[in-house]
Amino acid sequence: MAYDTELADRIRELLSTERGVEEKTMFGGLAFLINGNMSVAVSSKGGLMVRVPPEDTARLLDRDHVEPMIMSGRETRGWLRVQAEGLRTRRQLSPWVTRGVEYAKSLPAKQR
């Protein structure tokens, strides 16, 4: 399954004033990097992958449409998967994008 191009366009719109944004196709989806650090990604499995502070992972799993990010059969702390149903409106999408961007900005920039 290809990633949701409409969701990618909505994220681009939210990031239009942000500096240091780069897009990269990864894992069949489209990742949005800030200063070389992944912030959010439109998943090829649907929905959005969001990077969060690892210590916030468990607390954020209590929200509707949010589940743990599983890679190679293991839960990945610091990453969440938000189902498409929880991203239908700008009001739903924007806080997740902001959360991912703010965390990525808090990390040291990666050298290119």
PDB file of N, CA and C in Angstrom:
ATOM      1  N   MET A   1       0.844  -1.186   0.000  1.00  0.00           N
ATOM      2  CA  MET A   1       0.000   0.000   0.000  1.00  0.00           C
ATOM      3  C   MET A   1       0.885   1.243   0.000  1.00  0.00           C
ATOM      4  N   ALA A   2       0.591   2.177  -0.862  1.00  0.00           N
ATOM      5  CA  ALA A   2       1.318   3.439  -0.911  1.00  0.00           C
ATOM      6  C   ALA A   2       0.832   4.350   0.209  1.00  0.00           C
ATOM      7  N   TYR A   3       1.634   5.339   0.544  1.00  0.00           N
ATOM      8  CA  TYR A   3       1.223   6.277   1.601  1.00  0.00           C
ATOM      9  C   TYR A   3       0.146   7.235   1.093  1.00  0.00           C
ATOM     10  N   ASP A   4      -0.548   7.847   2.016  1.00  0.00           N
ATOM     11  CA  ASP A   4      -1.668   8.753   1.740  1.00  0.00           C
ATOM     12  C   ASP A   4      -1.108  10.116   1.300  1.00  0.00           C
ATOM     13  N   THR A   5      -1.189  10.398   0.004  1.00  0.00           N
ATOM     14  CA  THR A   5      -0.625  11.646  -0.519  1.00  0.00           C
ATOM     15  C   THR A   5      -1.404  12.870  -0.035  1.00  0.00           C
ATOM     16  N   GLU A   6      -2.696  12.697   0.204  1.00  0.00           N
ATOM     17  CA  GLU A   6      -3.499  13.816   0.725  1.00  0.00           C
ATOM     18  C   GLU A   6      -3.020  14.193   2.136  1.00  0.00           C
ATOM     19  N   LEU A   7      -2.756  13.195   2.964  1.00  0.00           N
ATOM     20  CA  LEU A   7      -2.231  13.458   4.305  1.00  0.00           C
ATOM     21  C   LEU A   7      -0.867  14.127   4.210  1.00  0.00           C
ATOM     22  N   ALA A   8      -0.031  13.682   3.287  1.00  0.00           N
ATOM     23  CA  ALA A   8       1.281  14.303   3.089  1.00  0.00           C
ATOM     24  C   ALA A   8       1.126  15.778   2.714  1.00  0.00           C
ATOM     25  N   ASP A   9       0.191  16.083   1.849  1.00  0.00           N
ATOM     26  CA  ASP A   9      -0.049  17.484   1.457  1.00  0.00           C
ATOM     27  C   ASP A   9      -0.525  18.322   2.643  1.00  0.00           C
ATOM     28  N   ARG A  10      -1.361  17.740   3.491  1.00  0.00           N
ATOM     29  CA  ARG A  10      -1.843  18.466   4.675  1.00  0.00           C
ATOM     30  C   ARG A  10      -0.692  18.747   5.642  1.00  0.00           C
ATOM     31  N   ILE A  11       0.219  17.797   5.754  1.00  0.00           N
ATOM     32  CA  ILE A  11       1.392  18.012   6.612  1.00  0.00           C
ATOM     33  C   ILE A  11       2.295  19.083   6.014  1.00  0.00           C
ATOM     34  N   ARG A  12       2.507  19.042   4.708  1.00  0.00           N
ATOM     35  CA  ARG A  12       3.316  20.081   4.046  1.00  0.00           C
ATOM     36  C   ARG A  12       2.757  21.467   4.348  1.00  0.00           C
ATOM     37  N   GLU A  13       1.445  21.578   4.289  1.00  0.00           N
ATOM     38  CA  GLU A  13       0.804  22.863   4.573  1.00  0.00           C
ATOM     39  C   GLU A  13       1.106  23.310   6.003  1.00  0.00           C
ATOM     40  N   LEU A  14       1.021  22.390   6.955  1.00  0.00           N
ATOM     41  CA  LEU A  14       1.309  22.731   8.354  1.00  0.00           C
ATOM     42  C   LEU A  14       2.776  23.107   8.562  1.00  0.00           C
ATOM     43  N   LEU A  15       3.661  22.536   7.750  1.00  0.00           N
ATOM     44  CA  LEU A  15       5.098  22.787   7.904  1.00  0.00           C
ATOM     45  C   LEU A  15       5.624  23.885   6.990  1.00  0.00           C
ATOM     46  N   SER A  16       4.736  24.550   6.273  1.00  0.00           N
ATOM     47  CA  SER A  16       5.168  25.504   5.248  1.00  0.00           C
ATOM     48  C   SER A  16       6.018  26.655   5.787  1.00  0.00           C
ATOM     49  N   THR A  17       5.888  27.007   7.045  1.00  0.00           N
ATOM     50  CA  THR A  17       6.693  28.108   7.599  1.00  0.00           C
ATOM     51  C   THR A  17       7.865  27.605   8.443  1.00  0.00           C
ATOM     52  N   GLU A  18       8.007  26.311   8.544  1.00  0.00           N
ATOM     53  CA  GLU A  18       9.057  25.708   9.373  1.00  0.00           C
ATOM     54  C   GLU A  18      10.381  25.665   8.608  1.00  0.00           C
ATOM     55  N   ARG A  19      11.466  25.972   9.293  1.00  0.00           N
ATOM     56  CA  ARG A  19      12.800  25.915   8.673  1.00  0.00           C
ATOM     57  C   ARG A  19      13.394  24.522   8.832  1.00  0.00           C
ATOM     58  N   GLY A  20      14.270  24.154   7.910  1.00  0.00           N
ATOM     59  CA  GLY A  20      15.019  22.910   8.017  1.00  0.00           C
ATOM     60  C   GLY A  20      14.225  21.655   7.732  1.00  0.00           C
ATOM     61  N   VAL A  21      13.111  21.780   7.004  1.00  0.00           N
ATOM     62  CA  VAL A  21      12.269  20.618   6.697  1.00  0.00           C
ATOM     63  C   VAL A  21      12.790  19.926   5.437  1.00  0.00           C
ATOM     64  N   GLU A  22      12.862  18.614   5.524  1.00  0.00           N
ATOM     65  CA  GLU A  22      13.259  17.800   4.387  1.00  0.00           C
ATOM     66  C   GLU A  22      12.309  16.608   4.328  1.00  0.00           C
ATOM     67  N   GLU A  23      11.977  16.183   3.136  1.00  0.00           N
ATOM     68  CA  GLU A  23      11.126  15.011   2.953  1.00  0.00           C
ATOM     69  C   GLU A  23      11.964  13.870   2.404  1.00  0.00           C
ATOM     70  N   LYS A  24      11.709  12.663   2.923  1.00  0.00           N
ATOM     71  CA  LYS A  24      12.418  11.479   2.446  1.00  0.00           C
ATOM     72  C   LYS A  24      11.472  10.301   2.422  1.00  0.00           C
ATOM     73  N   THR A  25      11.505   9.553   1.332  1.00  0.00           N
ATOM     74  CA  THR A  25      10.734   8.319   1.308  1.00  0.00           C
ATOM     75  C   THR A  25      11.491   7.286   2.135  1.00  0.00           C
ATOM     76  N   MET A  26      10.771   6.678   3.072  1.00  0.00           N
ATOM     77  CA  MET A  26      11.368   5.687   3.963  1.00  0.00           C
ATOM     78  C   MET A  26      10.312   4.643   4.301  1.00  0.00           C
ATOM     79  N   PHE A  27      10.703   3.387   4.285  1.00  0.00           N
ATOM     80  CA  PHE A  27       9.827   2.284   4.694  1.00  0.00           C
ATOM     81  C   PHE A  27       8.500   2.295   3.934  1.00  0.00           C
ATOM     82  N   GLY A  28       8.504   2.750   2.691  1.00  0.00           N
ATOM     83  CA  GLY A  28       7.291   2.790   1.890  1.00  0.00           C
ATOM     84  C   GLY A  28       6.399   3.977   2.180  1.00  0.00           C
ATOM     85  N   GLY A  29       6.808   4.826   3.113  1.00  0.00           N
ATOM     86  CA  GLY A  29       6.046   6.015   3.475  1.00  0.00           C
ATOM     87  C   GLY A  29       6.848   7.270   3.160  1.00  0.00           C
ATOM     88  N   LEU A  30       6.413   8.386   3.713  1.00  0.00           N
ATOM     89  CA  LEU A  30       7.088   9.661   3.499  1.00  0.00           C
ATOM     90  C   LEU A  30       7.376  10.297   4.851  1.00  0.00           C
ATOM     91  N   ALA A  31       8.664  10.462   5.144  1.00  0.00           N
ATOM     92  CA  ALA A  31       9.091  11.042   6.416  1.00  0.00           C
ATOM     93  C   ALA A  31       9.377  12.528   6.241  1.00  0.00           C
ATOM     94  N   PHE A  32       9.075  13.286   7.286  1.00  0.00           N
ATOM     95  CA  PHE A  32       9.378  14.712   7.338  1.00  0.00           C
ATOM     96  C   PHE A  32      10.452  14.892   8.405  1.00  0.00           C
ATOM     97  N   LEU A  33      11.614  15.355   7.958  1.00  0.00           N
ATOM     98  CA  LEU A  33      12.750  15.532   8.852  1.00  0.00           C
ATOM     99  C   LEU A  33      12.938  17.007   9.165  1.00  0.00           C
ATOM    100  N   ILE A  34      13.363  17.278  10.376  1.00  0.00           N
ATOM    101  CA  ILE A  34      13.696  18.633  10.809  1.00  0.00           C
ATOM    102  C   ILE A  34      15.164  18.608  11.191  1.00  0.00           C
ATOM    103  N   ASN A  35      15.968  19.376  10.476  1.00  0.00           N
ATOM    104  CA  ASN A  35      17.417  19.405  10.717  1.00  0.00           C
ATOM    105  C   ASN A  35      18.003  17.998  10.734  1.00  0.00           C
ATOM    106  N   GLY A  36      17.473  17.125   9.867  1.00  0.00           N
ATOM    107  CA  GLY A  36      17.988  15.773   9.724  1.00  0.00           C
ATOM    108  C   GLY A  36      17.364  14.748  10.653  1.00  0.00           C
ATOM    109  N   ASN A  37      16.493  15.163  11.569  1.00  0.00           N
ATOM    110  CA  ASN A  37      15.844  14.249  12.510  1.00  0.00           C
ATOM    111  C   ASN A  37      14.397  14.011  12.103  1.00  0.00           C
ATOM    112  N   MET A  38      13.988  12.735  12.080  1.00  0.00           N
ATOM    113  CA  MET A  38      12.600  12.434  11.740  1.00  0.00           C
ATOM    114  C   MET A  38      11.664  13.028  12.782  1.00  0.00           C
ATOM    115  N   SER A  39      10.577  13.605  12.319  1.00  0.00           N
ATOM    116  CA  SER A  39       9.575  14.192  13.221  1.00  0.00           C
ATOM    117  C   SER A  39       8.255  13.439  13.095  1.00  0.00           C
ATOM    118  N   VAL A  40       7.748  13.339  11.895  1.00  0.00           N
ATOM    119  CA  VAL A  40       6.528  12.582  11.601  1.00  0.00           C
ATOM    120  C   VAL A  40       6.732  11.888  10.266  1.00  0.00           C
ATOM    121  N   ALA A  41       5.926  10.867  10.029  1.00  0.00           N
ATOM    122  CA  ALA A  41       5.982  10.168   8.746  1.00  0.00           C
ATOM    123  C   ALA A  41       4.591   9.676   8.388  1.00  0.00           C
ATOM    124  N   VAL A  42       4.233   9.853   7.135  1.00  0.00           N
ATOM    125  CA  VAL A  42       2.993   9.293   6.617  1.00  0.00           C
ATOM    126  C   VAL A  42       3.296   7.820   6.340  1.00  0.00           C
ATOM    127  N   SER A  43       2.587   6.953   7.011  1.00  0.00           N
ATOM    128  CA  SER A  43       2.888   5.534   6.960  1.00  0.00           C
ATOM    129  C   SER A  43       2.277   4.855   5.741  1.00  0.00           C
ATOM    130  N   SER A  44       3.002   3.910   5.190  1.00  0.00           N
ATOM    131  CA  SER A  44       2.455   3.116   4.083  1.00  0.00           C
ATOM    132  C   SER A  44       1.365   2.170   4.585  1.00  0.00           C
ATOM    133  N   LYS A  45       1.264   2.002   5.907  1.00  0.00           N
ATOM    134  CA  LYS A  45       0.220   1.170   6.511  1.00  0.00           C
ATOM    135  C   LYS A  45      -0.997   1.998   6.906  1.00  0.00           C
ATOM    136  N   GLY A  46      -0.979   3.272   6.560  1.00  0.00           N
ATOM    137  CA  GLY A  46      -2.064   4.175   6.903  1.00  0.00           C
ATOM    138  C   GLY A  46      -1.748   4.962   8.157  1.00  0.00           C
ATOM    139  N   GLY A  47      -2.271   6.154   8.236  1.00  0.00           N
ATOM    140  CA  GLY A  47      -2.068   6.977   9.412  1.00  0.00           C
ATOM    141  C   GLY A  47      -0.701   7.628   9.462  1.00  0.00           C
ATOM    142  N   LEU A  48      -0.329   8.010  10.667  1.00  0.00           N
ATOM    143  CA  LEU A  48       0.858   8.824  10.888  1.00  0.00           C
ATOM    144  C   LEU A  48       1.731   8.203  11.963  1.00  0.00           C
ATOM    145  N   MET A  49       3.032   8.223  11.736  1.00  0.00           N
ATOM    146  CA  MET A  49       3.991   7.866  12.770  1.00  0.00           C
ATOM    147  C   MET A  49       4.513   9.191  13.337  1.00  0.00           C
ATOM    148  N   VAL A  50       4.535   9.285  14.651  1.00  0.00           N
ATOM    149  CA  VAL A  50       4.924  10.542  15.313  1.00  0.00           C
ATOM    150  C   VAL A  50       6.057  10.262  16.289  1.00  0.00           C
ATOM    151  N   ARG A  51       7.092  11.085  16.212  1.00  0.00           N
ATOM    152  CA  ARG A  51       8.204  10.973  17.156  1.00  0.00           C
ATOM    153  C   ARG A  51       7.899  11.826  18.373  1.00  0.00           C
ATOM    154  N   VAL A  52       8.032  11.226  19.553  1.00  0.00           N
ATOM    155  CA  VAL A  52       7.726  11.915  20.813  1.00  0.00           C
ATOM    156  C   VAL A  52       8.845  11.635  21.810  1.00  0.00           C
ATOM    157  N   PRO A  53       8.954  12.443  22.856  1.00  0.00           N
ATOM    158  CA  PRO A  53       9.926  12.107  23.896  1.00  0.00           C
ATOM    159  C   PRO A  53       9.630  10.707  24.435  1.00  0.00           C
ATOM    160  N   PRO A  54      10.628   9.846  24.543  1.00  0.00           N
ATOM    161  CA  PRO A  54      10.390   8.472  24.991  1.00  0.00           C
ATOM    162  C   PRO A  54       9.622   8.390  26.310  1.00  0.00           C
ATOM    163  N   GLU A  55       9.863   9.323  27.207  1.00  0.00           N
ATOM    164  CA  GLU A  55       9.180   9.292  28.502  1.00  0.00           C
ATOM    165  C   GLU A  55       7.691   9.645  28.393  1.00  0.00           C
ATOM    166  N   ASP A  56       7.249  10.182  27.259  1.00  0.00           N
ATOM    167  CA  ASP A  56       5.835  10.524  27.045  1.00  0.00           C
ATOM    168  C   ASP A  56       5.053   9.411  26.348  1.00  0.00           C
ATOM    169  N   THR A  57       5.746   8.406  25.859  1.00  0.00           N
ATOM    170  CA  THR A  57       5.111   7.369  25.053  1.00  0.00           C
ATOM    171  C   THR A  57       3.912   6.738  25.754  1.00  0.00           C
ATOM    172  N   ALA A  58       4.100   6.222  26.950  1.00  0.00           N
ATOM    173  CA  ALA A  58       3.030   5.503  27.663  1.00  0.00           C
ATOM    174  C   ALA A  58       1.827   6.406  27.913  1.00  0.00           C
ATOM    175  N   ARG A  59       2.066   7.635  28.313  1.00  0.00           N
ATOM    176  CA  ARG A  59       0.970   8.572  28.603  1.00  0.00           C
ATOM    177  C   ARG A  59       0.140   8.874  27.355  1.00  0.00           C
ATOM    178  N   LEU A  60       0.795   9.032  26.238  1.00  0.00           N
ATOM    179  CA  LEU A  60       0.088   9.379  25.001  1.00  0.00           C
ATOM    180  C   LEU A  60      -0.690   8.211  24.409  1.00  0.00           C
ATOM    181  N   LEU A  61      -0.376   6.994  24.815  1.00  0.00           N
ATOM    182  CA  LEU A  61      -1.110   5.827  24.319  1.00  0.00           C
ATOM    183  C   LEU A  61      -2.547   5.786  24.815  1.00  0.00           C
ATOM    184  N   ASP A  62      -2.874   6.599  25.823  1.00  0.00           N
ATOM    185  CA  ASP A  62      -4.241   6.661  26.340  1.00  0.00           C
ATOM    186  C   ASP A  62      -5.186   7.420  25.415  1.00  0.00           C
ATOM    187  N   ARG A  63      -4.659   8.107  24.437  1.00  0.00           N
ATOM    188  CA  ARG A  63      -5.496   8.922  23.541  1.00  0.00           C
ATOM    189  C   ARG A  63      -6.181   8.057  22.486  1.00  0.00           C
ATOM    190  N   ASP A  64      -7.328   8.551  22.019  1.00  0.00           N
ATOM    191  CA  ASP A  64      -8.066   7.848  20.974  1.00  0.00           C
ATOM    192  C   ASP A  64      -7.221   7.732  19.706  1.00  0.00           C
ATOM    193  N   HIS A  65      -7.339   6.604  19.040  1.00  0.00           N
ATOM    194  CA  HIS A  65      -6.716   6.348  17.739  1.00  0.00           C
ATOM    195  C   HIS A  65      -5.196   6.253  17.794  1.00  0.00           C
ATOM    196  N   VAL A  66      -4.623   6.104  18.972  1.00  0.00           N
ATOM    197  CA  VAL A  66      -3.169   6.037  19.129  1.00  0.00           C
ATOM    198  C   VAL A  66      -2.789   4.632  19.574  1.00  0.00           C
ATOM    199  N   GLU A  67      -1.737   4.123  18.960  1.00  0.00           N
ATOM    200  CA  GLU A  67      -1.231   2.811  19.336  1.00  0.00           C
ATOM    201  C   GLU A  67       0.294   2.836  19.319  1.00  0.00           C
ATOM    202  N   PRO A  68       0.905   1.845  19.940  1.00  0.00           N
ATOM    203  CA  PRO A  68       2.368   1.823  19.932  1.00  0.00           C
ATOM    204  C   PRO A  68       2.909   1.570  18.532  1.00  0.00           C
ATOM    205  N   MET A  69       4.074   2.059  18.287  1.00  0.00           N
ATOM    206  CA  MET A  69       4.767   1.796  17.026  1.00  0.00           C
ATOM    207  C   MET A  69       5.522   0.480  17.211  1.00  0.00           C
ATOM    208  N   ILE A  70       5.259  -0.467  16.340  1.00  0.00           N
ATOM    209  CA  ILE A  70       5.904  -1.772  16.411  1.00  0.00           C
ATOM    210  C   ILE A  70       6.838  -1.921  15.211  1.00  0.00           C
ATOM    211  N   MET A  71       8.105  -2.167  15.500  1.00  0.00           N
ATOM    212  CA  MET A  71       9.101  -2.410  14.444  1.00  0.00           C
ATOM    213  C   MET A  71       9.794  -3.726  14.770  1.00  0.00           C
ATOM    214  N   SER A  72       9.862  -4.612  13.826  1.00  0.00           N
ATOM    215  CA  SER A  72      10.493  -5.928  14.008  1.00  0.00           C
ATOM    216  C   SER A  72       9.917  -6.659  15.215  1.00  0.00           C
ATOM    217  N   GLY A  73       8.612  -6.515  15.420  1.00  0.00           N
ATOM    218  CA  GLY A  73       7.935  -7.219  16.494  1.00  0.00           C
ATOM    219  C   GLY A  73       8.099  -6.617  17.875  1.00  0.00           C
ATOM    220  N   ARG A  74       8.729  -5.446  17.962  1.00  0.00           N
ATOM    221  CA  ARG A  74       8.960  -4.813  19.260  1.00  0.00           C
ATOM    222  C   ARG A  74       8.392  -3.400  19.283  1.00  0.00           C
ATOM    223  N   GLU A  75       7.866  -3.030  20.441  1.00  0.00           N
ATOM    224  CA  GLU A  75       7.371  -1.669  20.626  1.00  0.00           C
ATOM    225  C   GLU A  75       8.562  -0.713  20.643  1.00  0.00           C
ATOM    226  N   THR A  76       8.423   0.385  19.926  1.00  0.00           N
ATOM    227  CA  THR A  76       9.487   1.372  19.823  1.00  0.00           C
ATOM    228  C   THR A  76       9.126   2.595  20.655  1.00  0.00           C
ATOM    229  N   ARG A  77       9.757   2.700  21.827  1.00  0.00           N
ATOM    230  CA  ARG A  77       9.512   3.877  22.672  1.00  0.00           C
ATOM    231  C   ARG A  77       9.965   5.127  21.925  1.00  0.00           C
ATOM    232  N   GLY A  78       9.203   6.189  22.109  1.00  0.00           N
ATOM    233  CA  GLY A  78       9.540   7.425  21.428  1.00  0.00           C
ATOM    234  C   GLY A  78       8.860   7.571  20.077  1.00  0.00           C
ATOM    235  N   TRP A  79       8.069   6.583  19.709  1.00  0.00           N
ATOM    236  CA  TRP A  79       7.311   6.627  18.464  1.00  0.00           C
ATOM    237  C   TRP A  79       5.901   6.128  18.712  1.00  0.00           C
ATOM    238  N   LEU A  80       4.940   6.782  18.083  1.00  0.00           N
ATOM    239  CA  LEU A  80       3.533   6.379  18.160  1.00  0.00           C
ATOM    240  C   LEU A  80       2.969   6.275  16.756  1.00  0.00           C
ATOM    241  N   ARG A  81       1.938   5.482  16.631  1.00  0.00           N
ATOM    242  CA  ARG A  81       1.191   5.405  15.376  1.00  0.00           C
ATOM    243  C   ARG A  81      -0.198   5.977  15.655  1.00  0.00           C
ATOM    244  N   VAL A  82      -0.590   6.967  14.876  1.00  0.00           N
ATOM    245  CA  VAL A  82      -1.919   7.563  15.002  1.00  0.00           C
ATOM    246  C   VAL A  82      -2.715   7.104  13.776  1.00  0.00           C
ATOM    247  N   GLN A  83      -3.824   6.441  14.031  1.00  0.00           N
ATOM    248  CA  GLN A  83      -4.655   5.913  12.953  1.00  0.00           C
ATOM    249  C   GLN A  83      -5.305   7.057  12.173  1.00  0.00           C
ATOM    250  N   ALA A  84      -5.599   6.804  10.915  1.00  0.00           N
ATOM    251  CA  ALA A  84      -6.184   7.807  10.026  1.00  0.00           C
ATOM    252  C   ALA A  84      -7.460   8.424  10.600  1.00  0.00           C
ATOM    253  N   GLU A  85      -8.244   7.637  11.340  1.00  0.00           N
ATOM    254  CA  GLU A  85      -9.489   8.142  11.918  1.00  0.00           C
ATOM    255  C   GLU A  85      -9.232   9.303  12.890  1.00  0.00           C
ATOM    256  N   GLY A  86      -8.058   9.351  13.459  1.00  0.00           N
ATOM    257  CA  GLY A  86      -7.711  10.410  14.397  1.00  0.00           C
ATOM    258  C   GLY A  86      -7.003  11.589  13.755  1.00  0.00           C
ATOM    259  N   LEU A  87      -7.019  11.643  12.412  1.00  0.00           N
ATOM    260  CA  LEU A  87      -6.297  12.689  11.683  1.00  0.00           C
ATOM    261  C   LEU A  87      -7.155  13.371  10.626  1.00  0.00           C
ATOM    262  N   ARG A  88      -8.448  13.191  10.710  1.00  0.00           N
ATOM    263  CA  ARG A  88      -9.332  13.657   9.639  1.00  0.00           C
ATOM    264  C   ARG A  88      -9.398  15.172   9.507  1.00  0.00           C
ATOM    265  N   THR A  89      -9.278  15.879  10.618  1.00  0.00           N
ATOM    266  CA  THR A  89      -9.393  17.340  10.562  1.00  0.00           C
ATOM    267  C   THR A  89      -8.052  17.987  10.877  1.00  0.00           C
ATOM    268  N   ARG A  90      -7.933  19.241  10.522  1.00  0.00           N
ATOM    269  CA  ARG A  90      -6.723  20.000  10.856  1.00  0.00           C
ATOM    270  C   ARG A  90      -6.547  20.054  12.374  1.00  0.00           C
ATOM    271  N   ARG A  91      -7.647  20.188  13.084  1.00  0.00           N
ATOM    272  CA  ARG A  91      -7.603  20.258  14.546  1.00  0.00           C
ATOM    273  C   ARG A  91      -7.046  18.962  15.154  1.00  0.00           C
ATOM    274  N   GLN A  92      -7.300  17.838  14.523  1.00  0.00           N
ATOM    275  CA  GLN A  92      -6.766  16.558  14.993  1.00  0.00           C
ATOM    276  C   GLN A  92      -5.304  16.377  14.583  1.00  0.00           C
ATOM    277  N   LEU A  93      -4.963  16.736  13.358  1.00  0.00           N
ATOM    278  CA  LEU A  93      -3.629  16.517  12.808  1.00  0.00           C
ATOM    279  C   LEU A  93      -2.586  17.470  13.376  1.00  0.00           C
ATOM    280  N   SER A  94      -2.914  18.730  13.465  1.00  0.00           N
ATOM    281  CA  SER A  94      -1.942  19.752  13.836  1.00  0.00           C
ATOM    282  C   SER A  94      -1.191  19.484  15.140  1.00  0.00           C
ATOM    283  N   PRO A  95      -1.856  19.097  16.236  1.00  0.00           N
ATOM    284  CA  PRO A  95      -1.101  18.849  17.472  1.00  0.00           C
ATOM    285  C   PRO A  95      -0.087  17.712  17.352  1.00  0.00           C
ATOM    286  N   TRP A  96      -0.398  16.697  16.562  1.00  0.00           N
ATOM    287  CA  TRP A  96       0.551  15.595  16.392  1.00  0.00           C
ATOM    288  C   TRP A  96       1.766  16.037  15.597  1.00  0.00           C
ATOM    289  N   VAL A  97       1.536  16.808  14.536  1.00  0.00           N
ATOM    290  CA  VAL A  97       2.656  17.315  13.744  1.00  0.00           C
ATOM    291  C   VAL A  97       3.508  18.247  14.608  1.00  0.00           C
ATOM    292  N   THR A  98       2.865  19.125  15.351  1.00  0.00           N
ATOM    293  CA  THR A  98       3.596  20.045  16.227  1.00  0.00           C
ATOM    294  C   THR A  98       4.421  19.277  17.244  1.00  0.00           C
ATOM    295  N   ARG A  99       3.832  18.258  17.843  1.00  0.00           N
ATOM    296  CA  ARG A  99       4.538  17.446  18.845  1.00  0.00           C
ATOM    297  C   ARG A  99       5.789  16.803  18.234  1.00  0.00           C
ATOM    298  N   GLY A 100       5.642  16.207  17.061  1.00  0.00           N
ATOM    299  CA  GLY A 100       6.781  15.569  16.398  1.00  0.00           C
ATOM    300  C   GLY A 100       7.853  16.562  16.008  1.00  0.00           C
ATOM    301  N   VAL A 101       7.448  17.714  15.486  1.00  0.00           N
ATOM    302  CA  VAL A 101       8.399  18.746  15.068  1.00  0.00           C
ATOM    303  C   VAL A 101       9.149  19.308  16.272  1.00  0.00           C
ATOM    304  N   GLU A 102       8.435  19.612  17.331  1.00  0.00           N
ATOM    305  CA  GLU A 102       9.084  20.187  18.514  1.00  0.00           C
ATOM    306  C   GLU A 102      10.101  19.219  19.109  1.00  0.00           C
ATOM    307  N   TYR A 103       9.764  17.937  19.130  1.00  0.00           N
ATOM    308  CA  TYR A 103      10.735  16.980  19.661  1.00  0.00           C
ATOM    309  C   TYR A 103      11.946  16.867  18.735  1.00  0.00           C
ATOM    310  N   ALA A 104      11.716  16.788  17.431  1.00  0.00           N
ATOM    311  CA  ALA A 104      12.836  16.695  16.486  1.00  0.00           C
ATOM    312  C   ALA A 104      13.730  17.932  16.580  1.00  0.00           C
ATOM    313  N   LYS A 105      13.141  19.096  16.787  1.00  0.00           N
ATOM    314  CA  LYS A 105      13.927  20.328  16.918  1.00  0.00           C
ATOM    315  C   LYS A 105      14.762  20.343  18.200  1.00  0.00           C
ATOM    316  N   SER A 106      14.336  19.584  19.201  1.00  0.00           N
ATOM    317  CA  SER A 106      15.076  19.557  20.468  1.00  0.00           C
ATOM    318  C   SER A 106      16.335  18.686  20.378  1.00  0.00           C
ATOM    319  N   LEU A 107      16.444  17.905  19.307  1.00  0.00           N
ATOM    320  CA  LEU A 107      17.590  17.016  19.132  1.00  0.00           C
ATOM    321  C   LEU A 107      18.719  17.728  18.386  1.00  0.00           C
ATOM    322  N   PRO A 108      19.951  17.294  18.588  1.00  0.00           N
ATOM    323  CA  PRO A 108      21.058  17.905  17.827  1.00  0.00           C
ATOM    324  C   PRO A 108      20.845  17.701  16.326  1.00  0.00           C
ATOM    325  N   ALA A 109      21.154  18.721  15.556  1.00  0.00           N
ATOM    326  CA  ALA A 109      21.030  18.609  14.096  1.00  0.00           C
ATOM    327  C   ALA A 109      21.995  17.543  13.593  1.00  0.00           C
ATOM    328  N   LYS A 110      21.540  16.793  12.592  1.00  0.00           N
ATOM    329  CA  LYS A 110      22.393  15.761  11.998  1.00  0.00           C
ATOM    330  C   LYS A 110      23.213  16.382  10.871  1.00  0.00           C
ATOM    331  N   GLN A 111      24.456  15.987  10.804  1.00  0.00           N
ATOM    332  CA  GLN A 111      25.349  16.440   9.720  1.00  0.00           C
ATOM    333  C   GLN A 111      24.958  15.747   8.424  1.00  0.00           C
ATOM    334  N   ARG A 112      24.991  16.473   7.342  1.00  0.00           N
ATOM    335  CA  ARG A 112      24.646  15.882   6.041  1.00  0.00           C
ATOM    336  C   ARG A 112      25.846  15.769   5.179  1.00  0.00           C
TER     337      ARG A 112
END
